[in-house]
C-alpha atoms as a PDB file:
ATOM      1  CA  MET A   1     -22.098 -27.092  -9.031  1.00  0.00           C
ATOM      2  CA  GLY A   2     -22.870 -28.153 -12.600  1.00  0.00           C
ATOM      3  CA  LYS A   3     -25.283 -30.903 -11.578  1.00  0.00           C
ATOM      4  CA  ILE A   4     -29.034 -31.193 -11.203  1.00  0.00           C
ATOM      5  CA  GLU A   5     -30.016 -31.664  -7.542  1.00  0.00           C
ATOM      6  CA  GLU A   6     -31.417 -35.007  -6.481  1.00  0.00           C
ATOM      7  CA  GLY A   7     -35.122 -34.875  -5.730  1.00  0.00           C
ATOM      8  CA  SER A   8     -35.779 -32.147  -8.291  1.00  0.00           C
ATOM      9  CA  LYS A   9     -38.558 -32.418 -10.816  1.00  0.00           C
ATOM     10  CA  GLU A  10     -36.910 -32.263 -14.222  1.00  0.00           C
ATOM     11  CA  ILE A  11     -37.887 -31.821 -17.837  1.00  0.00           C
ATOM     12  CA  ARG A  12     -35.662 -32.158 -20.884  1.00  0.00           C
ATOM     13  CA  VAL A  13     -36.411 -30.501 -24.188  1.00  0.00           C
ATOM     14  CA  GLN A  14     -34.554 -30.785 -27.469  1.00  0.00           C
ATOM     15  CA  ILE A  15     -34.924 -27.983 -29.967  1.00  0.00           C
ATOM     16  CA  PRO A  16     -33.390 -27.232 -33.336  1.00  0.00           C
ATOM     17  CA  ALA A  17     -30.438 -24.886 -32.870  1.00  0.00           C
ATOM     18  CA  ARG A  18     -32.186 -22.008 -34.622  1.00  0.00           C
ATOM     19  CA  LEU A  19     -32.642 -18.447 -33.434  1.00  0.00           C
ATOM     20  CA  ASP A  20     -36.355 -18.508 -34.244  1.00  0.00           C
ATOM     21  CA  HIS A  21     -36.852 -21.266 -31.621  1.00  0.00           C
ATOM     22  CA  VAL A  22     -35.300 -19.299 -28.762  1.00  0.00           C
ATOM     23  CA  ILE A  23     -38.557 -17.527 -27.901  1.00  0.00           C
ATOM     24  CA  LEU A  24     -40.189 -20.898 -27.207  1.00  0.00           C
ATOM     25  CA  VAL A  25     -37.601 -21.647 -24.536  1.00  0.00           C
ATOM     26  CA  GLY A  26     -38.269 -18.287 -22.889  1.00  0.00           C
ATOM     27  CA  LEU A  27     -42.034 -18.825 -22.917  1.00  0.00           C
ATOM     28  CA  ALA A  28     -41.680 -22.324 -21.450  1.00  0.00           C
ATOM     29  CA  LEU A  29     -39.477 -21.036 -18.646  1.00  0.00           C
ATOM     30  CA  ARG A  30     -41.917 -18.235 -17.883  1.00  0.00           C
ATOM     31  CA  GLY A  31     -44.637 -20.850 -17.498  1.00  0.00           C
ATOM     32  CA  ILE A  32     -42.530 -22.998 -15.184  1.00  0.00           C
ATOM     33  CA  CYS A  33     -41.561 -19.990 -13.071  1.00  0.00           C
ATOM     34  CA  SER A  34     -45.223 -19.024 -12.701  1.00  0.00           C
ATOM     35  CA  ALA A  35     -45.711 -22.189 -10.625  1.00  0.00           C
ATOM     36  CA  THR A  36     -43.128 -20.974  -8.074  1.00  0.00           C
ATOM     37  CA  THR A  37     -42.809 -18.114  -5.623  1.00  0.00           C
ATOM     38  CA  LEU A  38     -40.302 -16.361  -7.876  1.00  0.00           C
ATOM     39  CA  SER A  39     -41.110 -12.690  -8.437  1.00  0.00           C
ATOM     40  CA  ASP A  40     -41.833 -11.228 -11.854  1.00  0.00           C
ATOM     41  CA  ILE A  41     -38.361  -9.658 -11.836  1.00  0.00           C
ATOM     42  CA  GLU A  42     -36.679 -12.966 -10.971  1.00  0.00           C
ATOM     43  CA  THR A  43     -38.678 -14.695 -13.705  1.00  0.00           C
ATOM     44  CA  TYR A  44     -37.567 -12.052 -16.207  1.00  0.00           C
ATOM     45  CA  GLU A  45     -33.928 -12.486 -15.099  1.00  0.00           C
ATOM     46  CA  ILE A  46     -34.132 -16.241 -15.647  1.00  0.00           C
ATOM     47  CA  GLU A  47     -35.784 -15.806 -19.035  1.00  0.00           C
ATOM     48  CA  ALA A  48     -33.149 -13.248 -20.106  1.00  0.00           C
ATOM     49  CA  ALA A  49     -30.245 -15.429 -18.961  1.00  0.00           C
ATOM     50  CA  VAL A  50     -31.518 -18.616 -20.577  1.00  0.00           C
ATOM     51  CA  THR A  51     -32.494 -17.026 -23.877  1.00  0.00           C
ATOM     52  CA  GLU A  52     -29.060 -15.382 -23.976  1.00  0.00           C
ATOM     53  CA  ALA A  53     -27.422 -18.771 -23.306  1.00  0.00           C
ATOM     54  CA  VAL A  54     -29.442 -20.444 -26.069  1.00  0.00           C
ATOM     55  CA  ASN A  55     -28.650 -17.585 -28.468  1.00  0.00           C
ATOM     56  CA  ASN A  56     -24.952 -17.979 -27.653  1.00  0.00           C
ATOM     57  CA  ALA A  57     -25.054 -21.724 -28.291  1.00  0.00           C
ATOM     58  CA  VAL A  58     -26.744 -21.219 -31.668  1.00  0.00           C
ATOM     59  CA  LYS A  59     -24.457 -18.378 -32.759  1.00  0.00           C
ATOM     60  CA  HIS A  60     -21.115 -19.365 -31.239  1.00  0.00           C
ATOM     61  CA  ALA A  61     -21.125 -23.099 -30.531  1.00  0.00           C
ATOM     62  CA  TYR A  62     -22.898 -24.040 -33.757  1.00  0.00           C
ATOM     63  CA  GLN A  63     -22.133 -20.871 -35.734  1.00  0.00           C
ATOM     64  CA  CYS A  64     -25.755 -20.930 -37.011  1.00  0.00           C
ATOM     65  CA  ILE A  65     -25.105 -24.178 -38.930  1.00  0.00           C
ATOM     66  CA  PRO A  66     -28.493 -25.803 -39.625  1.00  0.00           C
ATOM     67  CA  ASP A  67     -29.535 -29.302 -38.535  1.00  0.00           C
ATOM     68  CA  ARG A  68     -28.011 -29.127 -35.063  1.00  0.00           C
ATOM     69  CA  GLU A  69     -29.841 -29.602 -31.771  1.00  0.00           C
ATOM     70  CA  LEU A  70     -29.715 -28.134 -28.307  1.00  0.00           C
ATOM     71  CA  GLU A  71     -30.937 -29.795 -25.162  1.00  0.00           C
ATOM     72  CA  ILE A  72     -32.393 -27.701 -22.365  1.00  0.00           C
ATOM     73  CA  ARG A  73     -32.880 -29.287 -18.960  1.00  0.00           C
ATOM     74  CA  VAL A  74     -34.946 -27.536 -16.323  1.00  0.00           C
ATOM     75  CA  ALA A  75     -34.986 -28.863 -12.772  1.00  0.00           C
ATOM     76  CA  LEU A  76     -37.225 -27.455 -10.089  1.00  0.00           C
ATOM     77  CA  SER A  77     -36.886 -28.011  -6.360  1.00  0.00           C
ATOM     78  CA  ARG A  78     -38.211 -26.065  -3.384  1.00  0.00           C
ATOM     79  CA  GLU A  79     -34.868 -24.278  -3.098  1.00  0.00           C
ATOM     80  CA  ALA A  80     -33.931 -23.500  -6.708  1.00  0.00           C
ATOM     81  CA  ILE A  81     -34.583 -23.660 -10.405  1.00  0.00           C
ATOM     82  CA  THR A  82     -31.622 -25.043 -12.338  1.00  0.00           C
ATOM     83  CA  ILE A  83     -31.341 -24.784 -16.097  1.00  0.00           C
ATOM     84  CA  GLN A  84     -28.767 -26.485 -18.298  1.00  0.00           C
ATOM     85  CA  VAL A  85     -28.155 -25.606 -21.926  1.00  0.00           C
ATOM     86  CA  ARG A  86     -26.304 -28.453 -23.658  1.00  0.00           C
ATOM     87  CA  ASP A  87     -24.721 -28.507 -27.100  1.00  0.00           C
ATOM     88  CA  ARG A  88     -22.127 -30.469 -29.062  1.00  0.00           C
ATOM     89  CA  GLY A  89     -20.612 -27.481 -30.848  1.00  0.00           C
ATOM     90  CA  LYS A  90     -17.506 -25.397 -30.369  1.00  0.00           C
ATOM     91  CA  SER A  91     -16.718 -25.022 -26.668  1.00  0.00           C
ATOM     92  CA  MET A  92     -15.968 -21.801 -24.821  1.00  0.00           C
ATOM     93  CA  LYS A  93     -12.431 -21.317 -23.591  1.00  0.00           C
ATOM     94  CA  LYS A  94     -13.544 -19.988 -20.219  1.00  0.00           C
ATOM     95  CA  LEU A  95     -16.574 -18.635 -18.446  1.00  0.00           C
ATOM     96  CA  LYS A  96     -15.540 -15.014 -18.087  1.00  0.00           C
ATOM     97  CA  ALA A  97     -17.656 -12.009 -18.894  1.00  0.00           C
ATOM     98  CA  PHE A  98     -16.085  -9.043 -20.621  1.00  0.00           C
ATOM     99  CA  GLU A  99     -15.593  -5.895 -18.619  1.00  0.00           C
ATOM    100  CA  LEU A 100     -18.217  -3.525 -19.903  1.00  0.00           C
ATOM    101  CA  ASP A 101     -16.817  -0.046 -20.424  1.00  0.00           C
ATOM    102  CA  PHE A 102     -19.231   2.331 -22.106  1.00  0.00           C
ATOM    103  CA  ASP A 103     -21.306   5.413 -21.387  1.00  0.00           C
ATOM    104  CA  VAL A 104     -24.872   4.264 -20.730  1.00  0.00           C
ATOM    105  CA  HIS A 105     -26.137   7.730 -21.650  1.00  0.00           C
ATOM    106  CA  ASP A 106     -24.525   7.622 -25.122  1.00  0.00           C
ATOM    107  CA  ARG A 107     -27.187   5.515 -26.823  1.00  0.00           C
ATOM    108  CA  LEU A 108     -25.634   5.852 -30.270  1.00  0.00           C
ATOM    109  CA  ASN A 109     -22.454   4.084 -29.166  1.00  0.00           C
ATOM    110  CA  LEU A 110     -23.751   1.243 -27.011  1.00  0.00           C
ATOM    111  CA  PRO A 111     -22.019  -2.076 -27.745  1.00  0.00           C
ATOM    112  CA  GLU A 112     -24.027  -4.475 -29.903  1.00  0.00           C
ATOM    113  CA  GLY A 113     -22.443  -7.648 -28.613  1.00  0.00           C
ATOM    114  CA  GLY A 114     -20.219  -9.151 -25.969  1.00  0.00           C
ATOM    115  CA  MET A 115     -22.665  -8.732 -23.103  1.00  0.00           C
ATOM    116  CA  GLY A 116     -24.163 -12.235 -23.045  1.00  0.00           C
ATOM    117  CA  LEU A 117     -22.122 -13.723 -20.222  1.00  0.00           C
ATOM    118  CA  THR A 118     -22.484 -10.527 -18.211  1.00  0.00           C
ATOM    119  CA  ILE A 119     -26.283 -10.778 -18.542  1.00  0.00           C
ATOM    120  CA  ILE A 120     -26.214 -14.452 -17.573  1.00  0.00           C
ATOM    121  CA  GLN A 121     -23.908 -14.035 -14.590  1.00  0.00           C
ATOM    122  CA  SER A 122     -25.684 -10.959 -13.236  1.00  0.00           C
ATOM    123  CA  SER A 123     -29.132 -12.573 -13.581  1.00  0.00           C
ATOM    124  CA  MET A 124     -28.445 -15.936 -11.948  1.00  0.00           C
ATOM    125  CA  ASP A 125     -27.177 -16.917  -8.485  1.00  0.00           C
ATOM    126  CA  GLU A 126     -24.777 -19.578  -9.777  1.00  0.00           C
ATOM    127  CA  VAL A 127     -23.315 -20.199 -13.235  1.00  0.00           C
ATOM    128  CA  ASP A 128     -21.005 -23.033 -14.252  1.00  0.00           C
ATOM    129  CA  TYR A 129     -19.646 -24.280 -17.571  1.00  0.00           C
ATOM    130  CA  GLU A 130     -17.955 -27.542 -18.438  1.00  0.00           C
ATOM    131  CA  THR A 131     -17.351 -29.793 -21.409  1.00  0.00           C
ATOM    132  CA  LEU A 132     -17.909 -33.497 -20.746  1.00  0.00           C
ATOM    133  CA  GLU A 133     -17.349 -36.122 -23.434  1.00  0.00           C
ATOM    134  CA  GLY A 134     -17.908 -33.593 -26.214  1.00  0.00           C
ATOM    135  CA  VAL A 135     -20.989 -32.015 -24.642  1.00  0.00           C
ATOM    136  CA  ASN A 136     -20.825 -28.378 -23.545  1.00  0.00           C
ATOM    137  CA  VAL A 137     -22.976 -27.805 -20.471  1.00  0.00           C
ATOM    138  CA  LEU A 138     -23.856 -24.345 -19.195  1.00  0.00           C
ATOM    139  CA  THR A 139     -25.600 -24.674 -15.831  1.00  0.00           C
ATOM    140  CA  MET A 140     -27.494 -21.728 -14.353  1.00  0.00           C
ATOM    141  CA  LYS A 141     -29.180 -21.713 -10.959  1.00  0.00           C
ATOM    142  CA  LYS A 142     -31.597 -19.241  -9.388  1.00  0.00           C
ATOM    143  CA  LEU A 143     -32.391 -19.714  -5.711  1.00  0.00           C
ATOM    144  CA  ILE A 144     -36.012 -19.628  -4.660  1.00  0.00           C
ATOM    145  CA  ARG A 145     -36.294 -17.658  -1.477  1.00  0.00           C
ATOM    146  CA  ALA A 146     -39.158 -18.302   0.923  1.00  0.00           C
ATOM    147  CA  GLN A 147     -41.946 -15.720   0.693  1.00  0.00           C
END
């Protein structure tokens, strides 16, 4: 799963691993999605998942250490949009979201963290994570359904 499909159009972007650059990734993805038949909701889901993945890489893989870089690859085919977030920081042990157990009506006690993988996995059709030769690769795919 963790591969870009042959025949896809692909772009690669390197950004400083800084939280203030995450919004740029989201805006770029919104622009790419606007050229597809993805709905506004699907576009928002992709943007939320990818910005969460980039945030996680900055905070957890690089622990907000300056002078690090992330690579984001976006591949677009007729069937899907596939996004990879790549870093050379600390790897995740496994790709497992926490079980969320809280009262959604108790706004004062909502958890402040630990929901990133849940957001990513619930927003995308496929999610895969692997570490290859010191590079952590989180691959997220959203299928493009015919309109």
